[in-house]
Amino acid sequence: MKTQGLILGAFFYGYTTTQILGGTLAQKIGGKVLMMFGVGWTAVLTLFTPVVTNYGGFPGIFALRLLEGMGEVCVAEDRMCNNTIACMIECCSSIRLALLLSQSAF
């Protein structure tokens, strides 16, 4: 049970260590680019999960989950998502935008 907790926690550790970096990058290079990178990064690393589990053991899967968490911050960063949605929506009323943002939180 302790090993499972560490592996699941590795994602969280990676995610929390890159919060500030993700927000800064979102403001500098834009949300769309960063979101595409984050989704691609996490998808590729997820494909390597079975191989790393078989050959890398606990250290390998821990490192992989840590890197996945670091990439996922690019997808879920609040400022980036808000900036991206604001740029993608043409002329939407503030009520519709508030509903869209509140629905994506659940």
Foldseek 3Di string as FASTA:
>chain_A
DVLVVLLVCLLVQLQVVCLVVLLVCCVVVHLVVLQVQLVVQLVVLVVCQVVCCVPVPSVSSSVSSSSNSNSCNSNPRVNRVLRVVVVVDDDDDPVVVVVVVVVVVD
